[in-house]
Amino acid sequence: MTDARTSLEDLGVALTEAGFRVRLVVGDPPLLHVAGIGSTELGEQIGCRVNPLDGELWFQWAVLEVFLGRASDVRSGVERVKYVLQARADEEGAE
C-alpha cells in the first residue's frame, strides 16, 4: 500500500498540472496545502489516512476530517478539490 506522503505528493503533482498552487507540509501526519487558481487566496489543507470502513487510504479535508476520495483515485481527488474551491470562490464573490 502506498503511504500517505507519497499519495499526497501524487495529488500535489496532479493539482499543480491543473493550475493550483500546492505545498506539502511534512509532519506527522503530512498535509498538502492547496491554494486556488489565479488570484484567489482560498485554500484547503488535505490529509491522507486509512478509512476505517474499508481499510483503504483516502484523501480527506484535514480541518473537517471529511473523506473526499480514495488516494488510489488521484483524478477524482483533483476534481473534488476543484469543485470545493470553485464553490468557495463563488461564495466569496457573492458577498
PDB file of N, CA and C in Angstrom:
ATOM      1  N   MET A   1       0.847  -1.185   0.000  1.00  0.00           N
ATOM      2  CA  MET A   1       0.000   0.000   0.000  1.00  0.00           C
ATOM      3  C   MET A   1       0.891   1.248   0.000  1.00  0.00           C
ATOM      4  N   THR A   2       0.524   2.211  -0.814  1.00  0.00           N
ATOM      5  CA  THR A   2       1.234   3.476  -0.867  1.00  0.00           C
ATOM      6  C   THR A   2       1.041   4.213   0.455  1.00  0.00           C
ATOM      7  N   ASP A   3       2.060   4.954   0.883  1.00  0.00           N
ATOM      8  CA  ASP A   3       1.922   5.692   2.128  1.00  0.00           C
ATOM      9  C   ASP A   3       1.287   7.060   1.892  1.00  0.00           C
ATOM     10  N   ALA A   4       0.897   7.713   2.995  1.00  0.00           N
ATOM     11  CA  ALA A   4       0.182   8.989   2.919  1.00  0.00           C
ATOM     12  C   ALA A   4       1.002  10.068   2.218  1.00  0.00           C
ATOM     13  N   ARG A   5       2.275  10.167   2.543  1.00  0.00           N
ATOM     14  CA  ARG A   5       3.103  11.219   1.943  1.00  0.00           C
ATOM     15  C   ARG A   5       3.197  11.048   0.421  1.00  0.00           C
ATOM     16  N   THR A   6       3.431   9.827  -0.030  1.00  0.00           N
ATOM     17  CA  THR A   6       3.526   9.571  -1.465  1.00  0.00           C
ATOM     18  C   THR A   6       2.206   9.888  -2.158  1.00  0.00           C
ATOM     19  N   SER A   7       1.096   9.516  -1.537  1.00  0.00           N
ATOM     20  CA  SER A   7      -0.215   9.806  -2.115  1.00  0.00           C
ATOM     21  C   SER A   7      -0.451  11.307  -2.217  1.00  0.00           C
ATOM     22  N   LEU A   8      -0.072  12.043  -1.171  1.00  0.00           N
ATOM     23  CA  LEU A   8      -0.233  13.497  -1.205  1.00  0.00           C
ATOM     24  C   LEU A   8       0.688  14.139  -2.243  1.00  0.00           C
ATOM     25  N   GLU A   9       1.893  13.598  -2.396  1.00  0.00           N
ATOM     26  CA  GLU A   9       2.792  14.104  -3.439  1.00  0.00           C
ATOM     27  C   GLU A   9       2.173  13.892  -4.818  1.00  0.00           C
ATOM     28  N   ASP A  10       1.578  12.717  -5.051  1.00  0.00           N
ATOM     29  CA  ASP A  10       0.923  12.437  -6.330  1.00  0.00           C
ATOM     30  C   ASP A  10      -0.243  13.401  -6.563  1.00  0.00           C
ATOM     31  N   LEU A  11      -1.037  13.630  -5.528  1.00  0.00           N
ATOM     32  CA  LEU A  11      -2.151  14.575  -5.650  1.00  0.00           C
ATOM     33  C   LEU A  11      -1.625  15.983  -5.923  1.00  0.00           C
ATOM     34  N   GLY A  12      -0.533  16.350  -5.251  1.00  0.00           N
ATOM     35  CA  GLY A  12       0.064  17.672  -5.463  1.00  0.00           C
ATOM     36  C   GLY A  12       0.532  17.879  -6.892  1.00  0.00           C
ATOM     37  N   VAL A  13       1.143  16.874  -7.486  1.00  0.00           N
ATOM     38  CA  VAL A  13       1.584  16.964  -8.880  1.00  0.00           C
ATOM     39  C   VAL A  13       0.375  17.173  -9.793  1.00  0.00           C
ATOM     40  N   ALA A  14      -0.666  16.381  -9.583  1.00  0.00           N
ATOM     41  CA  ALA A  14      -1.863  16.488 -10.424  1.00  0.00           C
ATOM     42  C   ALA A  14      -2.553  17.836 -10.251  1.00  0.00           C
ATOM     43  N   LEU A  15      -2.604  18.347  -9.026  1.00  0.00           N
ATOM     44  CA  LEU A  15      -3.217  19.655  -8.793  1.00  0.00           C
ATOM     45  C   LEU A  15      -2.384  20.774  -9.407  1.00  0.00           C
ATOM     46  N   THR A  16      -1.064  20.657  -9.346  1.00  0.00           N
ATOM     47  CA  THR A  16      -0.185  21.649  -9.975  1.00  0.00           C
ATOM     48  C   THR A  16      -0.416  21.670 -11.482  1.00  0.00           C
ATOM     49  N   GLU A  17      -0.537  20.494 -12.077  1.00  0.00           N
ATOM     50  CA  GLU A  17      -0.819  20.404 -13.518  1.00  0.00           C
ATOM     51  C   GLU A  17      -2.171  21.031 -13.860  1.00  0.00           C
ATOM     52  N   ALA A  18      -3.107  21.015 -12.896  1.00  0.00           N
ATOM     53  CA  ALA A  18      -4.427  21.611 -13.093  1.00  0.00           C
ATOM     54  C   ALA A  18      -4.431  23.110 -12.800  1.00  0.00           C
ATOM     55  N   GLY A  19      -3.274  23.661 -12.409  1.00  0.00           N
ATOM     56  CA  GLY A  19      -3.157  25.100 -12.194  1.00  0.00           C
ATOM     57  C   GLY A  19      -3.208  25.572 -10.759  1.00  0.00           C
ATOM     58  N   PHE A  20      -3.294  24.653  -9.813  1.00  0.00           N
ATOM     59  CA  PHE A  20      -3.318  25.042  -8.401  1.00  0.00           C
ATOM     60  C   PHE A  20      -1.900  25.246  -7.880  1.00  0.00           C
ATOM     61  N   ARG A  21      -1.805  25.995  -6.797  1.00  0.00           N
ATOM     62  CA  ARG A  21      -0.534  26.128  -6.085  1.00  0.00           C
ATOM     63  C   ARG A  21      -0.610  25.175  -4.898  1.00  0.00           C
ATOM     64  N   VAL A  22       0.420  24.361  -4.741  1.00  0.00           N
ATOM     65  CA  VAL A  22       0.414  23.381  -3.656  1.00  0.00           C
ATOM     66  C   VAL A  22       1.734  23.427  -2.899  1.00  0.00           C
ATOM     67  N   ARG A  23       1.648  23.009  -1.657  1.00  0.00           N
ATOM     68  CA  ARG A  23       2.849  22.905  -0.818  1.00  0.00           C
ATOM     69  C   ARG A  23       2.637  21.746   0.135  1.00  0.00           C
ATOM     70  N   LEU A  24       3.560  20.790   0.117  1.00  0.00           N
ATOM     71  CA  LEU A  24       3.495  19.655   1.030  1.00  0.00           C
ATOM     72  C   LEU A  24       4.136  20.055   2.348  1.00  0.00           C
ATOM     73  N   VAL A  25       3.388  19.905   3.419  1.00  0.00           N
ATOM     74  CA  VAL A  25       3.888  20.185   4.764  1.00  0.00           C
ATOM     75  C   VAL A  25       4.223  18.838   5.383  1.00  0.00           C
ATOM     76  N   VAL A  26       5.503  18.584   5.524  1.00  0.00           N
ATOM     77  CA  VAL A  26       5.945  17.293   6.040  1.00  0.00           C
ATOM     78  C   VAL A  26       5.881  17.324   7.558  1.00  0.00           C
ATOM     79  N   GLY A  27       5.112  16.441   8.090  1.00  0.00           N
ATOM     80  CA  GLY A  27       4.949  16.325   9.533  1.00  0.00           C
ATOM     81  C   GLY A  27       4.272  15.003   9.815  1.00  0.00           C
ATOM     82  N   ASP A  28       3.712  14.885  10.977  1.00  0.00           N
ATOM     83  CA  ASP A  28       3.002  13.677  11.328  1.00  0.00           C
ATOM     84  C   ASP A  28       1.601  14.066  11.793  1.00  0.00           C
ATOM     85  N   PRO A  29       0.626  14.013  10.944  1.00  0.00           N
ATOM     86  CA  PRO A  29       0.637  13.500   9.569  1.00  0.00           C
ATOM     87  C   PRO A  29       1.040  14.583   8.569  1.00  0.00           C
ATOM     88  N   PRO A  30       1.478  14.165   7.375  1.00  0.00           N
ATOM     89  CA  PRO A  30       1.779  15.151   6.339  1.00  0.00           C
ATOM     90  C   PRO A  30       0.471  15.773   5.831  1.00  0.00           C
ATOM     91  N   LEU A  31       0.556  17.027   5.406  1.00  0.00           N
ATOM     92  CA  LEU A  31      -0.602  17.737   4.863  1.00  0.00           C
ATOM     93  C   LEU A  31      -0.222  18.390   3.551  1.00  0.00           C
ATOM     94  N   LEU A  32      -1.191  18.533   2.680  1.00  0.00           N
ATOM     95  CA  LEU A  32      -0.987  19.225   1.420  1.00  0.00           C
ATOM     96  C   LEU A  32      -1.808  20.504   1.487  1.00  0.00           C
ATOM     97  N   HIS A  33      -1.131  21.652   1.395  1.00  0.00           N
ATOM     98  CA  HIS A  33      -1.849  22.932   1.342  1.00  0.00           C
ATOM     99  C   HIS A  33      -2.107  23.233  -0.119  1.00  0.00           C
ATOM    100  N   VAL A  34      -3.369  23.450  -0.461  1.00  0.00           N
ATOM    101  CA  VAL A  34      -3.769  23.703  -1.840  1.00  0.00           C
ATOM    102  C   VAL A  34      -4.407  25.076  -1.907  1.00  0.00           C
ATOM    103  N   ALA A  35      -3.858  25.942  -2.758  1.00  0.00           N
ATOM    104  CA  ALA A  35      -4.415  27.282  -2.962  1.00  0.00           C
ATOM    105  C   ALA A  35      -5.046  27.339  -4.339  1.00  0.00           C
ATOM    106  N   GLY A  36      -6.093  28.142  -4.450  1.00  0.00           N
ATOM    107  CA  GLY A  36      -6.871  28.228  -5.671  1.00  0.00           C
ATOM    108  C   GLY A  36      -6.115  28.736  -6.881  1.00  0.00           C
ATOM    109  N   ILE A  37      -6.776  28.583  -8.006  1.00  0.00           N
ATOM    110  CA  ILE A  37      -6.236  29.023  -9.287  1.00  0.00           C
ATOM    111  C   ILE A  37      -6.381  30.534  -9.391  1.00  0.00           C
ATOM    112  N   GLY A  38      -5.399  31.183  -9.999  1.00  0.00           N
ATOM    113  CA  GLY A  38      -5.475  32.619 -10.247  1.00  0.00           C
ATOM    114  C   GLY A  38      -5.204  33.436  -9.006  1.00  0.00           C
ATOM    115  N   SER A  39      -5.957  34.513  -8.861  1.00  0.00           N
ATOM    116  CA  SER A  39      -5.681  35.454  -7.773  1.00  0.00           C
ATOM    117  C   SER A  39      -6.356  35.078  -6.463  1.00  0.00           C
ATOM    118  N   THR A  40      -7.253  34.106  -6.495  1.00  0.00           N
ATOM    119  CA  THR A  40      -7.945  33.752  -5.263  1.00  0.00           C
ATOM    120  C   THR A  40      -6.974  33.192  -4.221  1.00  0.00           C
ATOM    121  N   GLU A  41      -7.181  33.577  -3.012  1.00  0.00           N
ATOM    122  CA  GLU A  41      -6.319  33.115  -1.924  1.00  0.00           C
ATOM    123  C   GLU A  41      -6.977  31.998  -1.118  1.00  0.00           C
ATOM    124  N   LEU A  42      -8.117  31.528  -1.586  1.00  0.00           N
ATOM    125  CA  LEU A  42      -8.777  30.426  -0.882  1.00  0.00           C
ATOM    126  C   LEU A  42      -7.910  29.189  -0.941  1.00  0.00           C
ATOM    127  N   GLY A  43      -7.903  28.460   0.129  1.00  0.00           N
ATOM    128  CA  GLY A  43      -7.091  27.256   0.160  1.00  0.00           C
ATOM    129  C   GLY A  43      -7.651  26.233   1.112  1.00  0.00           C
ATOM    130  N   GLU A  44      -7.103  25.037   1.004  1.00  0.00           N
ATOM    131  CA  GLU A  44      -7.524  23.923   1.843  1.00  0.00           C
ATOM    132  C   GLU A  44      -6.304  23.136   2.273  1.00  0.00           C
ATOM    133  N   GLN A  45      -6.436  22.482   3.409  1.00  0.00           N
ATOM    134  CA  GLN A  45      -5.438  21.534   3.878  1.00  0.00           C
ATOM    135  C   GLN A  45      -6.003  20.141   3.649  1.00  0.00           C
ATOM    136  N   ILE A  46      -5.252  19.315   2.942  1.00  0.00           N
ATOM    137  CA  ILE A  46      -5.699  17.961   2.647  1.00  0.00           C
ATOM    138  C   ILE A  46      -4.736  16.975   3.302  1.00  0.00           C
ATOM    139  N   GLY A  47      -5.310  16.014   3.998  1.00  0.00           N
ATOM    140  CA  GLY A  47      -4.538  14.957   4.608  1.00  0.00           C
ATOM    141  C   GLY A  47      -4.822  13.638   3.904  1.00  0.00           C
ATOM    142  N   CYS A  48      -4.256  12.581   4.428  1.00  0.00           N
ATOM    143  CA  CYS A  48      -4.442  11.263   3.831  1.00  0.00           C
ATOM    144  C   CYS A  48      -4.339  10.240   4.958  1.00  0.00           C
ATOM    145  N   ARG A  49      -5.404   9.442   5.122  1.00  0.00           N
ATOM    146  CA  ARG A  49      -5.380   8.431   6.177  1.00  0.00           C
ATOM    147  C   ARG A  49      -6.256   7.249   5.797  1.00  0.00           C
ATOM    148  N   VAL A  50      -6.130   6.194   6.561  1.00  0.00           N
ATOM    149  CA  VAL A  50      -6.895   4.983   6.318  1.00  0.00           C
ATOM    150  C   VAL A  50      -8.342   5.198   6.775  1.00  0.00           C
ATOM    151  N   ASN A  51      -9.267   4.855   5.887  1.00  0.00           N
ATOM    152  CA  ASN A  51     -10.683   4.901   6.217  1.00  0.00           C
ATOM    153  C   ASN A  51     -11.014   3.619   6.976  1.00  0.00           C
ATOM    154  N   PRO A  52     -11.513   3.730   8.208  1.00  0.00           N
ATOM    155  CA  PRO A  52     -11.782   2.530   8.998  1.00  0.00           C
ATOM    156  C   PRO A  52     -12.893   1.652   8.422  1.00  0.00           C
ATOM    157  N   LEU A  53     -13.695   2.191   7.516  1.00  0.00           N
ATOM    158  CA  LEU A  53     -14.792   1.407   6.939  1.00  0.00           C
ATOM    159  C   LEU A  53     -14.331   0.403   5.897  1.00  0.00           C
ATOM    160  N   ASP A  54     -13.225   0.742   5.174  1.00  0.00           N
ATOM    161  CA  ASP A  54     -12.777  -0.185   4.137  1.00  0.00           C
ATOM    162  C   ASP A  54     -11.284  -0.520   4.206  1.00  0.00           C
ATOM    163  N   GLY A  55     -10.559   0.109   5.132  1.00  0.00           N
ATOM    164  CA  GLY A  55      -9.137  -0.172   5.290  1.00  0.00           C
ATOM    165  C   GLY A  55      -8.257   0.411   4.197  1.00  0.00           C
ATOM    166  N   GLU A  56      -8.840   1.238   3.323  1.00  0.00           N
ATOM    167  CA  GLU A  56      -8.095   1.861   2.224  1.00  0.00           C
ATOM    168  C   GLU A  56      -7.631   3.258   2.619  1.00  0.00           C
ATOM    169  N   LEU A  57      -6.572   3.714   1.954  1.00  0.00           N
ATOM    170  CA  LEU A  57      -6.057   5.060   2.164  1.00  0.00           C
ATOM    171  C   LEU A  57      -6.930   6.044   1.393  1.00  0.00           C
ATOM    172  N   TRP A  58      -7.399   7.100   2.069  1.00  0.00           N
ATOM    173  CA  TRP A  58      -8.281   8.109   1.473  1.00  0.00           C
ATOM    174  C   TRP A  58      -7.702   9.498   1.704  1.00  0.00           C
ATOM    175  N   PHE A  59      -7.958  10.404   0.738  1.00  0.00           N
ATOM    176  CA  PHE A  59      -7.696  11.827   0.953  1.00  0.00           C
ATOM    177  C   PHE A  59      -8.831  12.359   1.810  1.00  0.00           C
ATOM    178  N   GLN A  60      -8.519  13.373   2.628  1.00  0.00           N
ATOM    179  CA  GLN A  60      -9.552  13.965   3.461  1.00  0.00           C
ATOM    180  C   GLN A  60      -9.281  15.444   3.676  1.00  0.00           C
ATOM    181  N   TRP A  61     -10.363  16.223   3.862  1.00  0.00           N
ATOM    182  CA  TRP A  61     -10.207  17.616   4.256  1.00  0.00           C
ATOM    183  C   TRP A  61      -9.709  17.565   5.692  1.00  0.00           C
ATOM    184  N   ALA A  62      -8.559  18.142   5.948  1.00  0.00           N
ATOM    185  CA  ALA A  62      -7.916  17.997   7.256  1.00  0.00           C
ATOM    186  C   ALA A  62      -8.718  18.615   8.387  1.00  0.00           C
ATOM    187  N   VAL A  63      -9.245  19.804   8.191  1.00  0.00           N
ATOM    188  CA  VAL A  63      -9.935  20.504   9.275  1.00  0.00           C
ATOM    189  C   VAL A  63     -11.249  19.826   9.631  1.00  0.00           C
ATOM    190  N   LEU A  64     -11.989  19.409   8.617  1.00  0.00           N
ATOM    191  CA  LEU A  64     -13.301  18.817   8.859  1.00  0.00           C
ATOM    192  C   LEU A  64     -13.257  17.305   9.039  1.00  0.00           C
ATOM    193  N   GLU A  65     -12.122  16.703   8.697  1.00  0.00           N
ATOM    194  CA  GLU A  65     -11.962  15.252   8.726  1.00  0.00           C
ATOM    195  C   GLU A  65     -13.031  14.554   7.883  1.00  0.00           C
ATOM    196  N   VAL A  66     -13.332  15.150   6.732  1.00  0.00           N
ATOM    197  CA  VAL A  66     -14.297  14.587   5.796  1.00  0.00           C
ATOM    198  C   VAL A  66     -13.520  13.908   4.677  1.00  0.00           C
ATOM    199  N   PHE A  67     -13.824  12.646   4.422  1.00  0.00           N
ATOM    200  CA  PHE A  67     -13.149  11.931   3.339  1.00  0.00           C
ATOM    201  C   PHE A  67     -13.625  12.471   2.002  1.00  0.00           C
ATOM    202  N   LEU A  68     -12.683  12.667   1.064  1.00  0.00           N
ATOM    203  CA  LEU A  68     -13.071  13.171  -0.249  1.00  0.00           C
ATOM    204  C   LEU A  68     -12.843  12.173  -1.363  1.00  0.00           C
ATOM    205  N   GLY A  69     -12.141  11.117  -1.133  1.00  0.00           N
ATOM    206  CA  GLY A  69     -11.972  10.079  -2.141  1.00  0.00           C
ATOM    207  C   GLY A  69     -10.771   9.207  -1.849  1.00  0.00           C
ATOM    208  N   ARG A  70     -10.771   8.040  -2.465  1.00  0.00           N
ATOM    209  CA  ARG A  70      -9.653   7.110  -2.284  1.00  0.00           C
ATOM    210  C   ARG A  70      -8.370   7.711  -2.847  1.00  0.00           C
ATOM    211  N   ALA A  71      -7.289   7.500  -2.133  1.00  0.00           N
ATOM    212  CA  ALA A  71      -5.981   8.004  -2.573  1.00  0.00           C
ATOM    213  C   ALA A  71      -5.528   7.325  -3.859  1.00  0.00           C
ATOM    214  N   SER A  72      -6.064   6.171  -4.143  1.00  0.00           N
ATOM    215  CA  SER A  72      -5.704   5.472  -5.381  1.00  0.00           C
ATOM    216  C   SER A  72      -6.355   6.113  -6.608  1.00  0.00           C
ATOM    217  N   ASP A  73      -7.305   7.027  -6.399  1.00  0.00           N
ATOM    218  CA  ASP A  73      -8.010   7.705  -7.493  1.00  0.00           C
ATOM    219  C   ASP A  73      -7.687   9.203  -7.451  1.00  0.00           C
ATOM    220  N   VAL A  74      -6.477   9.536  -7.851  1.00  0.00           N
ATOM    221  CA  VAL A  74      -5.997  10.923  -7.792  1.00  0.00           C
ATOM    222  C   VAL A  74      -6.867  11.845  -8.648  1.00  0.00           C
ATOM    223  N   ARG A  75      -7.276  11.367  -9.803  1.00  0.00           N
ATOM    224  CA  ARG A  75      -8.072  12.205 -10.707  1.00  0.00           C
ATOM    225  C   ARG A  75      -9.372  12.675 -10.046  1.00  0.00           C
ATOM    226  N   SER A  76     -10.057  11.782  -9.344  1.00  0.00           N
ATOM    227  CA  SER A  76     -11.274  12.180  -8.633  1.00  0.00           C
ATOM    228  C   SER A  76     -10.959  13.168  -7.513  1.00  0.00           C
ATOM    229  N   GLY A  77      -9.825  12.975  -6.856  1.00  0.00           N
ATOM    230  CA  GLY A  77      -9.406  13.917  -5.813  1.00  0.00           C
ATOM    231  C   GLY A  77      -9.218  15.311  -6.372  1.00  0.00           C
ATOM    232  N   VAL A  78      -8.594  15.410  -7.534  1.00  0.00           N
ATOM    233  CA  VAL A  78      -8.393  16.712  -8.185  1.00  0.00           C
ATOM    234  C   VAL A  78      -9.747  17.346  -8.498  1.00  0.00           C
ATOM    235  N   GLU A  79     -10.668  16.568  -9.040  1.00  0.00           N
ATOM    236  CA  GLU A  79     -11.990  17.102  -9.395  1.00  0.00           C
ATOM    237  C   GLU A  79     -12.740  17.602  -8.163  1.00  0.00           C
ATOM    238  N   ARG A  80     -12.624  16.898  -7.051  1.00  0.00           N
ATOM    239  CA  ARG A  80     -13.315  17.330  -5.828  1.00  0.00           C
ATOM    240  C   ARG A  80     -12.698  18.607  -5.264  1.00  0.00           C
ATOM    241  N   VAL A  81     -11.374  18.714  -5.317  1.00  0.00           N
ATOM    242  CA  VAL A  81     -10.719  19.941  -4.850  1.00  0.00           C
ATOM    243  C   VAL A  81     -11.155  21.116  -5.722  1.00  0.00           C
ATOM    244  N   LYS A  82     -11.165  20.924  -7.037  1.00  0.00           N
ATOM    245  CA  LYS A  82     -11.623  21.984  -7.960  1.00  0.00           C
ATOM    246  C   LYS A  82     -13.036  22.436  -7.594  1.00  0.00           C
ATOM    247  N   TYR A  83     -13.911  21.475  -7.392  1.00  0.00           N
ATOM    248  CA  TYR A  83     -15.306  21.773  -7.100  1.00  0.00           C
ATOM    249  C   TYR A  83     -15.446  22.597  -5.817  1.00  0.00           C
ATOM    250  N   VAL A  84     -14.784  22.148  -4.764  1.00  0.00           N
ATOM    251  CA  VAL A  84     -14.913  22.832  -3.470  1.00  0.00           C
ATOM    252  C   VAL A  84     -14.310  24.235  -3.522  1.00  0.00           C
ATOM    253  N   LEU A  85     -13.123  24.367  -4.100  1.00  0.00           N
ATOM    254  CA  LEU A  85     -12.507  25.693  -4.147  1.00  0.00           C
ATOM    255  C   LEU A  85     -13.293  26.638  -5.058  1.00  0.00           C
ATOM    256  N   GLN A  86     -13.869  26.127  -6.141  1.00  0.00           N
ATOM    257  CA  GLN A  86     -14.693  26.976  -7.007  1.00  0.00           C
ATOM    258  C   GLN A  86     -15.956  27.419  -6.275  1.00  0.00           C
ATOM    259  N   ALA A  87     -16.573  26.498  -5.544  1.00  0.00           N
ATOM    260  CA  ALA A  87     -17.774  26.844  -4.781  1.00  0.00           C
ATOM    261  C   ALA A  87     -17.453  27.894  -3.725  1.00  0.00           C
ATOM    262  N   ARG A  88     -16.318  27.756  -3.070  1.00  0.00           N
ATOM    263  CA  ARG A  88     -15.917  28.751  -2.060  1.00  0.00           C
ATOM    264  C   ARG A  88     -15.626  30.087  -2.705  1.00  0.00           C
ATOM    265  N   ALA A  89     -14.995  30.084  -3.882  1.00  0.00           N
ATOM    266  CA  ALA A  89     -14.705  31.337  -4.593  1.00  0.00           C
ATOM    267  C   ALA A  89     -16.010  32.019  -5.007  1.00  0.00           C
ATOM    268  N   ASP A  90     -16.979  31.223  -5.448  1.00  0.00           N
ATOM    269  CA  ASP A  90     -18.280  31.784  -5.829  1.00  0.00           C
ATOM    270  C   ASP A  90     -18.967  32.419  -4.626  1.00  0.00           C
ATOM    271  N   GLU A  91     -18.877  31.759  -3.468  1.00  0.00           N
ATOM    272  CA  GLU A  91     -19.459  32.316  -2.239  1.00  0.00           C
ATOM    273  C   GLU A  91     -18.800  33.626  -1.859  1.00  0.00           C
ATOM    274  N   GLU A  92     -17.478  33.674  -1.955  1.00  0.00           N
ATOM    275  CA  GLU A  92     -16.729  34.895  -1.635  1.00  0.00           C
ATOM    276  C   GLU A  92     -17.133  36.039  -2.568  1.00  0.00           C
ATOM    277  N   GLY A  93     -17.318  35.703  -3.854  1.00  0.00           N
ATOM    278  CA  GLY A  93     -17.688  36.715  -4.836  1.00  0.00           C
ATOM    279  C   GLY A  93     -19.101  37.241  -4.639  1.00  0.00           C
ATOM    280  N   ALA A  94     -19.971  36.430  -4.049  1.00  0.00           N
ATOM    281  CA  ALA A  94     -21.363  36.813  -3.840  1.00  0.00           C
ATOM    282  C   ALA A  94     -21.533  37.728  -2.634  1.00  0.00           C
ATOM    283  N   GLU A  95     -20.542  37.764  -1.782  1.00  0.00           N
ATOM    284  CA  GLU A  95     -20.658  38.595  -0.539  1.00  0.00           C
ATOM    285  C   GLU A  95     -20.323  40.034  -0.798  1.00  0.00           C
TER     286      GLU A  95
END
